[in-house]
Amino acid sequence: MADTGFGAQSQKTPVDAKPLPVNRSAHPAVNHGRRTLINWTLALLTVPGAAVVMMLWFGAVMGVAGCSALPCRHEGPGEFLFTVLVYGAPAVAVLTVAMSFFTATRSRGVLVPVAGWALLVADVVVLAISFRP
């Protein structure tokens, strides 16, 4: 031990000493498995979520079918936007599941299914706004 001049003694460490890894969890394997399970659960649930969105869209279109004799104020979005929103829902679900193959085990991989769900919710919001009575 060497004297530092202030009455304290410093310990010298070997040059090849490596710092100990920081263990943020008592069971990192359990957290990793739980995170992956949550990710895949959210990702796979986008498939039935997209099916529900499509059923809601087609139900809204069927509800407007009664407006053939009387003009309806809110008949939904235009044809192009309708096509994008209706057929975009299954595309979002497929892309979410496909991207989860690459991101499910990563620490921020859960953002992929969360983003997929956000797009599906936005789709339903557009539906609610455009087909209001």
N, C-alpha and C. Protein backbone atom coordinates (compact mmCIF):
# COMPACT_ATOMS: atom_id res chain seq x y z
N MET A 1 0.83 -1.16 0.00
CA MET A 1 0.00 0.00 0.00
C MET A 1 0.88 1.23 0.00
N ALA A 2 0.46 2.21 -0.79
CA ALA A 2 1.26 3.43 -0.93
C ALA A 2 0.61 4.56 -0.16
N ASP A 3 1.46 5.41 0.38
CA ASP A 3 0.97 6.56 1.13
C ASP A 3 0.68 7.68 0.13
N THR A 4 -0.51 8.26 0.20
CA THR A 4 -0.89 9.33 -0.73
C THR A 4 -0.52 10.70 -0.22
N GLY A 5 0.00 10.80 0.97
CA GLY A 5 0.42 12.08 1.49
C GLY A 5 -0.60 12.69 2.44
N PHE A 6 -1.80 12.17 2.49
CA PHE A 6 -2.84 12.70 3.37
C PHE A 6 -3.18 11.73 4.49
N GLY A 7 -2.36 10.83 4.74
CA GLY A 7 -2.58 9.87 5.79
C GLY A 7 -3.41 8.68 5.35
N ALA A 8 -3.99 8.73 4.13
CA ALA A 8 -4.79 7.62 3.63
C ALA A 8 -3.90 6.74 2.77
N GLN A 9 -4.23 5.53 2.72
CA GLN A 9 -3.47 4.62 1.89
C GLN A 9 -4.34 4.18 0.72
N SER A 10 -3.79 4.15 -0.48
CA SER A 10 -4.55 3.72 -1.65
C SER A 10 -4.16 2.29 -1.98
N GLN A 11 -5.14 1.60 -2.52
CA GLN A 11 -4.88 0.23 -2.94
C GLN A 11 -4.58 0.24 -4.43
N LYS A 12 -3.57 -0.48 -4.80
CA LYS A 12 -3.27 -0.59 -6.22
C LYS A 12 -3.94 -1.84 -6.76
N THR A 13 -4.57 -1.67 -7.89
CA THR A 13 -5.20 -2.82 -8.53
C THR A 13 -4.35 -3.25 -9.70
N PRO A 14 -4.38 -4.52 -10.01
CA PRO A 14 -3.62 -4.99 -11.16
C PRO A 14 -4.14 -4.33 -12.44
N VAL A 15 -3.31 -4.19 -13.41
CA VAL A 15 -3.66 -3.54 -14.67
C VAL A 15 -4.73 -4.32 -15.42
N ASP A 16 -4.71 -5.63 -15.35
CA ASP A 16 -5.67 -6.44 -16.09
C ASP A 16 -6.96 -6.71 -15.31
N ALA A 17 -7.17 -6.03 -14.20
CA ALA A 17 -8.41 -6.24 -13.43
C ALA A 17 -9.58 -5.64 -14.19
N LYS A 18 -10.66 -6.39 -14.26
CA LYS A 18 -11.86 -5.94 -14.97
C LYS A 18 -12.94 -5.61 -13.96
N PRO A 19 -13.73 -4.58 -14.22
CA PRO A 19 -14.81 -4.25 -13.28
C PRO A 19 -15.88 -5.34 -13.30
N LEU A 20 -16.51 -5.51 -12.18
CA LEU A 20 -17.58 -6.49 -12.08
C LEU A 20 -18.79 -6.01 -12.85
N PRO A 21 -19.50 -6.90 -13.54
CA PRO A 21 -20.69 -6.47 -14.28
C PRO A 21 -21.79 -6.04 -13.31
N VAL A 22 -22.55 -5.05 -13.73
CA VAL A 22 -23.66 -4.57 -12.91
C VAL A 22 -24.86 -5.45 -13.18
N ASN A 23 -25.36 -6.08 -12.14
CA ASN A 23 -26.52 -6.94 -12.26
C ASN A 23 -27.74 -6.13 -11.82
N ARG A 24 -28.54 -5.67 -12.78
CA ARG A 24 -29.69 -4.83 -12.46
C ARG A 24 -30.88 -5.61 -11.98
N SER A 25 -30.85 -6.89 -12.14
CA SER A 25 -31.95 -7.72 -11.70
C SER A 25 -31.38 -8.97 -11.03
N ALA A 26 -32.12 -9.47 -10.09
CA ALA A 26 -31.67 -10.68 -9.43
C ALA A 26 -31.71 -11.88 -10.38
N HIS A 27 -32.65 -11.85 -11.32
CA HIS A 27 -32.81 -12.95 -12.27
C HIS A 27 -32.95 -12.38 -13.68
N PRO A 28 -31.85 -12.04 -14.34
CA PRO A 28 -31.96 -11.43 -15.67
C PRO A 28 -32.58 -12.37 -16.70
N ALA A 29 -32.40 -13.66 -16.56
CA ALA A 29 -32.98 -14.59 -17.53
C ALA A 29 -34.50 -14.60 -17.43
N VAL A 30 -35.02 -14.43 -16.23
CA VAL A 30 -36.47 -14.39 -16.05
C VAL A 30 -37.04 -13.13 -16.69
N ASN A 31 -36.39 -11.98 -16.47
CA ASN A 31 -36.86 -10.74 -17.08
C ASN A 31 -36.77 -10.79 -18.59
N HIS A 32 -35.72 -11.39 -19.11
CA HIS A 32 -35.56 -11.52 -20.56
C HIS A 32 -36.68 -12.37 -21.14
N GLY A 33 -36.99 -13.48 -20.49
CA GLY A 33 -38.06 -14.36 -20.95
C GLY A 33 -39.42 -13.69 -20.85
N ARG A 34 -39.64 -12.95 -19.78
CA ARG A 34 -40.91 -12.25 -19.59
C ARG A 34 -41.07 -11.17 -20.66
N ARG A 35 -39.99 -10.44 -20.94
CA ARG A 35 -40.03 -9.38 -21.94
C ARG A 35 -40.33 -9.97 -23.32
N THR A 36 -39.72 -11.09 -23.64
CA THR A 36 -39.96 -11.74 -24.92
C THR A 36 -41.40 -12.25 -25.01
N LEU A 37 -41.92 -12.80 -23.91
CA LEU A 37 -43.30 -13.29 -23.90
C LEU A 37 -44.28 -12.14 -24.09
N ILE A 38 -44.07 -11.03 -23.43
CA ILE A 38 -44.95 -9.87 -23.59
C ILE A 38 -44.88 -9.36 -25.02
N ASN A 39 -43.69 -9.31 -25.58
CA ASN A 39 -43.52 -8.84 -26.94
C ASN A 39 -44.30 -9.71 -27.92
N TRP A 40 -44.12 -11.02 -27.82
CA TRP A 40 -44.80 -11.92 -28.75
C TRP A 40 -46.31 -11.93 -28.53
N THR A 41 -46.74 -11.79 -27.28
CA THR A 41 -48.18 -11.74 -27.02
C THR A 41 -48.80 -10.52 -27.69
N LEU A 42 -48.18 -9.37 -27.50
CA LEU A 42 -48.69 -8.15 -28.13
C LEU A 42 -48.63 -8.24 -29.65
N ALA A 43 -47.55 -8.80 -30.17
CA ALA A 43 -47.39 -8.90 -31.63
C ALA A 43 -48.44 -9.83 -32.23
N LEU A 44 -48.64 -10.99 -31.62
CA LEU A 44 -49.61 -11.94 -32.17
C LEU A 44 -51.05 -11.47 -32.00
N LEU A 45 -51.32 -10.67 -30.97
CA LEU A 45 -52.67 -10.15 -30.78
C LEU A 45 -53.02 -9.06 -31.79
N THR A 46 -52.03 -8.54 -32.54
CA THR A 46 -52.37 -7.59 -33.58
C THR A 46 -53.15 -8.26 -34.72
N VAL A 47 -53.00 -9.57 -34.89
CA VAL A 47 -53.73 -10.28 -35.95
C VAL A 47 -55.23 -10.27 -35.69
N PRO A 48 -55.72 -10.73 -34.52
CA PRO A 48 -57.16 -10.60 -34.28
C PRO A 48 -57.59 -9.13 -34.15
N GLY A 49 -56.69 -8.27 -33.69
CA GLY A 49 -57.02 -6.84 -33.62
C GLY A 49 -57.28 -6.27 -35.00
N ALA A 50 -56.47 -6.66 -35.99
CA ALA A 50 -56.68 -6.21 -37.36
C ALA A 50 -57.99 -6.77 -37.92
N ALA A 51 -58.32 -7.99 -37.55
CA ALA A 51 -59.59 -8.57 -38.01
C ALA A 51 -60.77 -7.79 -37.43
N VAL A 52 -60.68 -7.39 -36.18
CA VAL A 52 -61.75 -6.59 -35.57
C VAL A 52 -61.86 -5.24 -36.26
N VAL A 53 -60.73 -4.62 -36.57
CA VAL A 53 -60.75 -3.33 -37.27
C VAL A 53 -61.43 -3.49 -38.63
N MET A 54 -61.12 -4.55 -39.35
CA MET A 54 -61.75 -4.76 -40.66
C MET A 54 -63.25 -4.98 -40.52
N MET A 55 -63.66 -5.73 -39.50
CA MET A 55 -65.10 -5.94 -39.29
C MET A 55 -65.80 -4.64 -38.94
N LEU A 56 -65.15 -3.80 -38.14
CA LEU A 56 -65.74 -2.50 -37.81
C LEU A 56 -65.89 -1.64 -39.06
N TRP A 57 -64.88 -1.65 -39.93
CA TRP A 57 -64.96 -0.86 -41.15
C TRP A 57 -66.10 -1.35 -42.05
N PHE A 58 -66.18 -2.65 -42.24
CA PHE A 58 -67.24 -3.16 -43.11
C PHE A 58 -68.62 -2.98 -42.47
N GLY A 59 -68.70 -3.03 -41.16
CA GLY A 59 -69.97 -2.73 -40.48
C GLY A 59 -70.37 -1.28 -40.67
N ALA A 60 -69.41 -0.38 -40.63
CA ALA A 60 -69.71 1.04 -40.85
C ALA A 60 -70.17 1.27 -42.29
N VAL A 61 -69.57 0.59 -43.23
CA VAL A 61 -69.98 0.72 -44.63
C VAL A 61 -71.39 0.17 -44.81
N MET A 62 -71.70 -0.93 -44.17
CA MET A 62 -73.05 -1.49 -44.27
C MET A 62 -74.08 -0.55 -43.64
N GLY A 63 -73.67 0.17 -42.58
CA GLY A 63 -74.58 1.12 -41.96
C GLY A 63 -74.88 2.30 -42.86
N VAL A 64 -73.99 2.63 -43.75
CA VAL A 64 -74.19 3.73 -44.68
C VAL A 64 -75.04 3.28 -45.86
N ALA A 65 -75.23 1.99 -46.03
CA ALA A 65 -75.99 1.49 -47.17
C ALA A 65 -77.43 1.99 -47.14
N GLY A 66 -77.94 2.31 -45.98
CA GLY A 66 -79.30 2.84 -45.89
C GLY A 66 -79.41 4.28 -46.36
N CYS A 67 -78.31 4.90 -46.68
CA CYS A 67 -78.31 6.29 -47.12
C CYS A 67 -78.49 6.42 -48.63
N SER A 68 -78.90 5.36 -49.30
CA SER A 68 -79.02 5.44 -50.75
C SER A 68 -80.18 6.34 -51.17
N ALA A 69 -81.26 6.38 -50.40
CA ALA A 69 -82.39 7.23 -50.74
C ALA A 69 -82.21 8.64 -50.18
N LEU A 70 -81.66 8.73 -48.97
CA LEU A 70 -81.43 10.03 -48.33
C LEU A 70 -79.94 10.32 -48.28
N PRO A 71 -79.55 11.56 -48.44
CA PRO A 71 -78.12 11.86 -48.36
C PRO A 71 -77.61 11.77 -46.92
N CYS A 72 -76.48 11.12 -46.76
CA CYS A 72 -75.84 11.03 -45.45
C CYS A 72 -74.76 12.10 -45.36
N ARG A 73 -74.61 12.68 -44.19
CA ARG A 73 -73.62 13.74 -44.04
C ARG A 73 -72.21 13.19 -43.99
N HIS A 74 -72.01 12.07 -43.32
CA HIS A 74 -70.67 11.54 -43.12
C HIS A 74 -70.60 10.12 -43.68
N GLU A 75 -70.25 10.04 -44.92
CA GLU A 75 -70.19 8.73 -45.57
C GLU A 75 -68.81 8.11 -45.54
N GLY A 76 -67.94 8.61 -44.71
CA GLY A 76 -66.62 8.03 -44.57
C GLY A 76 -65.59 8.73 -45.43
N PRO A 77 -64.38 8.24 -45.39
CA PRO A 77 -63.30 8.85 -46.19
C PRO A 77 -63.47 8.52 -47.66
N GLY A 78 -62.64 9.11 -48.47
CA GLY A 78 -62.69 8.82 -49.90
C GLY A 78 -62.27 7.39 -50.19
N GLU A 79 -62.41 7.02 -51.45
CA GLU A 79 -62.14 5.64 -51.84
C GLU A 79 -60.69 5.22 -51.58
N PHE A 80 -59.74 6.11 -51.91
CA PHE A 80 -58.33 5.76 -51.72
C PHE A 80 -58.00 5.58 -50.24
N LEU A 81 -58.40 6.54 -49.41
CA LEU A 81 -58.11 6.45 -47.97
C LEU A 81 -58.83 5.26 -47.34
N PHE A 82 -60.05 4.98 -47.81
CA PHE A 82 -60.77 3.82 -47.31
C PHE A 82 -59.98 2.54 -47.59
N THR A 83 -59.47 2.42 -48.81
CA THR A 83 -58.70 1.23 -49.18
C THR A 83 -57.44 1.10 -48.33
N VAL A 84 -56.75 2.21 -48.12
CA VAL A 84 -55.52 2.18 -47.32
C VAL A 84 -55.83 1.78 -45.88
N LEU A 85 -56.89 2.34 -45.31
CA LEU A 85 -57.21 2.07 -43.91
C LEU A 85 -57.74 0.65 -43.70
N VAL A 86 -58.57 0.17 -44.60
CA VAL A 86 -59.13 -1.17 -44.43
C VAL A 86 -58.08 -2.25 -44.67
N TYR A 87 -57.37 -2.15 -45.76
CA TYR A 87 -56.39 -3.19 -46.08
C TYR A 87 -55.04 -2.94 -45.43
N GLY A 88 -54.88 -1.78 -44.83
CA GLY A 88 -53.66 -1.49 -44.08
C GLY A 88 -53.62 -2.20 -42.74
N ALA A 89 -54.78 -2.46 -42.16
CA ALA A 89 -54.83 -3.12 -40.85
C ALA A 89 -54.19 -4.51 -40.88
N PRO A 90 -54.55 -5.38 -41.83
CA PRO A 90 -53.86 -6.68 -41.87
C PRO A 90 -52.38 -6.55 -42.23
N ALA A 91 -52.05 -5.55 -43.04
CA ALA A 91 -50.64 -5.35 -43.38
C ALA A 91 -49.84 -4.95 -42.15
N VAL A 92 -50.44 -4.12 -41.30
CA VAL A 92 -49.78 -3.73 -40.04
C VAL A 92 -49.56 -4.95 -39.17
N ALA A 93 -50.56 -5.82 -39.08
CA ALA A 93 -50.43 -7.03 -38.25
C ALA A 93 -49.34 -7.95 -38.78
N VAL A 94 -49.31 -8.15 -40.09
CA VAL A 94 -48.29 -9.03 -40.67
C VAL A 94 -46.89 -8.44 -40.48
N LEU A 95 -46.75 -7.13 -40.70
CA LEU A 95 -45.44 -6.50 -40.51
C LEU A 95 -45.00 -6.53 -39.05
N THR A 96 -45.96 -6.37 -38.15
CA THR A 96 -45.62 -6.41 -36.72
C THR A 96 -45.09 -7.79 -36.34
N VAL A 97 -45.76 -8.82 -36.77
CA VAL A 97 -45.29 -10.18 -36.45
C VAL A 97 -43.95 -10.46 -37.12
N ALA A 98 -43.81 -10.05 -38.38
CA ALA A 98 -42.55 -10.29 -39.09
C ALA A 98 -41.38 -9.55 -38.44
N MET A 99 -41.60 -8.30 -38.05
CA MET A 99 -40.53 -7.54 -37.42
C MET A 99 -40.21 -8.06 -36.03
N SER A 100 -41.18 -8.67 -35.37
CA SER A 100 -40.94 -9.21 -34.04
C SER A 100 -39.98 -10.38 -34.05
N PHE A 101 -39.85 -11.06 -35.20
CA PHE A 101 -38.86 -12.12 -35.29
C PHE A 101 -37.45 -11.58 -35.06
N PHE A 102 -37.24 -10.33 -35.42
CA PHE A 102 -35.92 -9.72 -35.27
C PHE A 102 -35.77 -8.89 -34.00
N THR A 103 -36.88 -8.42 -33.45
CA THR A 103 -36.79 -7.49 -32.32
C THR A 103 -37.33 -8.02 -31.00
N ALA A 104 -37.91 -9.19 -30.98
CA ALA A 104 -38.58 -9.68 -29.76
C ALA A 104 -37.63 -9.84 -28.58
N THR A 105 -36.42 -10.22 -28.83
CA THR A 105 -35.49 -10.47 -27.72
C THR A 105 -34.67 -9.24 -27.34
N ARG A 106 -34.84 -8.15 -28.04
CA ARG A 106 -34.09 -6.94 -27.72
C ARG A 106 -34.78 -6.15 -26.62
N SER A 107 -34.02 -5.30 -25.97
CA SER A 107 -34.57 -4.59 -24.81
C SER A 107 -35.70 -3.64 -25.20
N ARG A 108 -35.63 -3.00 -26.34
CA ARG A 108 -36.70 -2.10 -26.77
C ARG A 108 -37.54 -2.71 -27.89
N GLY A 109 -37.50 -4.00 -28.01
CA GLY A 109 -38.25 -4.69 -29.05
C GLY A 109 -39.75 -4.59 -28.88
N VAL A 110 -40.20 -4.31 -27.68
CA VAL A 110 -41.63 -4.20 -27.43
C VAL A 110 -42.23 -2.98 -28.14
N LEU A 111 -41.38 -2.06 -28.58
CA LEU A 111 -41.88 -0.88 -29.28
C LEU A 111 -42.52 -1.25 -30.62
N VAL A 112 -42.11 -2.35 -31.21
CA VAL A 112 -42.68 -2.78 -32.50
C VAL A 112 -44.15 -3.14 -32.34
N PRO A 113 -44.54 -4.05 -31.43
CA PRO A 113 -45.97 -4.32 -31.29
C PRO A 113 -46.75 -3.14 -30.72
N VAL A 114 -46.12 -2.32 -29.90
CA VAL A 114 -46.81 -1.14 -29.38
C VAL A 114 -47.13 -0.18 -30.53
N ALA A 115 -46.18 -0.01 -31.45
CA ALA A 115 -46.42 0.84 -32.62
C ALA A 115 -47.52 0.24 -33.51
N GLY A 116 -47.53 -1.09 -33.65
CA GLY A 116 -48.58 -1.75 -34.42
C GLY A 116 -49.95 -1.50 -33.82
N TRP A 117 -50.04 -1.62 -32.50
CA TRP A 117 -51.31 -1.34 -31.83
C TRP A 117 -51.71 0.12 -31.95
N ALA A 118 -50.74 1.01 -31.90
CA ALA A 118 -51.04 2.44 -32.05
C ALA A 118 -51.63 2.71 -33.44
N LEU A 119 -51.10 2.06 -34.47
CA LEU A 119 -51.65 2.24 -35.81
C LEU A 119 -53.05 1.67 -35.93
N LEU A 120 -53.30 0.54 -35.29
CA LEU A 120 -54.65 -0.03 -35.32
C LEU A 120 -55.65 0.86 -34.58
N VAL A 121 -55.23 1.43 -33.46
CA VAL A 121 -56.11 2.34 -32.72
C VAL A 121 -56.38 3.60 -33.55
N ALA A 122 -55.34 4.10 -34.22
CA ALA A 122 -55.54 5.27 -35.09
C ALA A 122 -56.52 4.96 -36.21
N ASP A 123 -56.48 3.75 -36.71
CA ASP A 123 -57.41 3.32 -37.75
C ASP A 123 -58.84 3.37 -37.24
N VAL A 124 -59.06 2.89 -36.02
CA VAL A 124 -60.40 2.91 -35.43
C VAL A 124 -60.85 4.35 -35.16
N VAL A 125 -59.93 5.22 -34.76
CA VAL A 125 -60.27 6.62 -34.52
C VAL A 125 -60.73 7.27 -35.82
N VAL A 126 -60.03 7.02 -36.92
CA VAL A 126 -60.45 7.55 -38.22
C VAL A 126 -61.83 7.01 -38.59
N LEU A 127 -62.07 5.76 -38.30
CA LEU A 127 -63.38 5.16 -38.55
C LEU A 127 -64.46 5.88 -37.75
N ALA A 128 -64.21 6.11 -36.48
CA ALA A 128 -65.21 6.75 -35.62
C ALA A 128 -65.48 8.19 -36.06
N ILE A 129 -64.45 8.88 -36.52
CA ILE A 129 -64.63 10.27 -36.94
C ILE A 129 -65.33 10.36 -38.29
N SER A 130 -64.96 9.50 -39.22
CA SER A 130 -65.49 9.63 -40.57
C SER A 130 -66.89 9.06 -40.77
N PHE A 131 -67.33 8.14 -39.94
CA PHE A 131 -68.66 7.54 -40.07
C PHE A 131 -69.58 7.91 -38.92
N ARG A 132 -69.47 9.12 -38.42
CA ARG A 132 -70.35 9.51 -37.33
C ARG A 132 -71.72 9.87 -37.87
N PRO A 133 -72.76 9.76 -37.05
CA PRO A 133 -74.13 10.04 -37.53
C PRO A 133 -74.37 11.50 -37.79
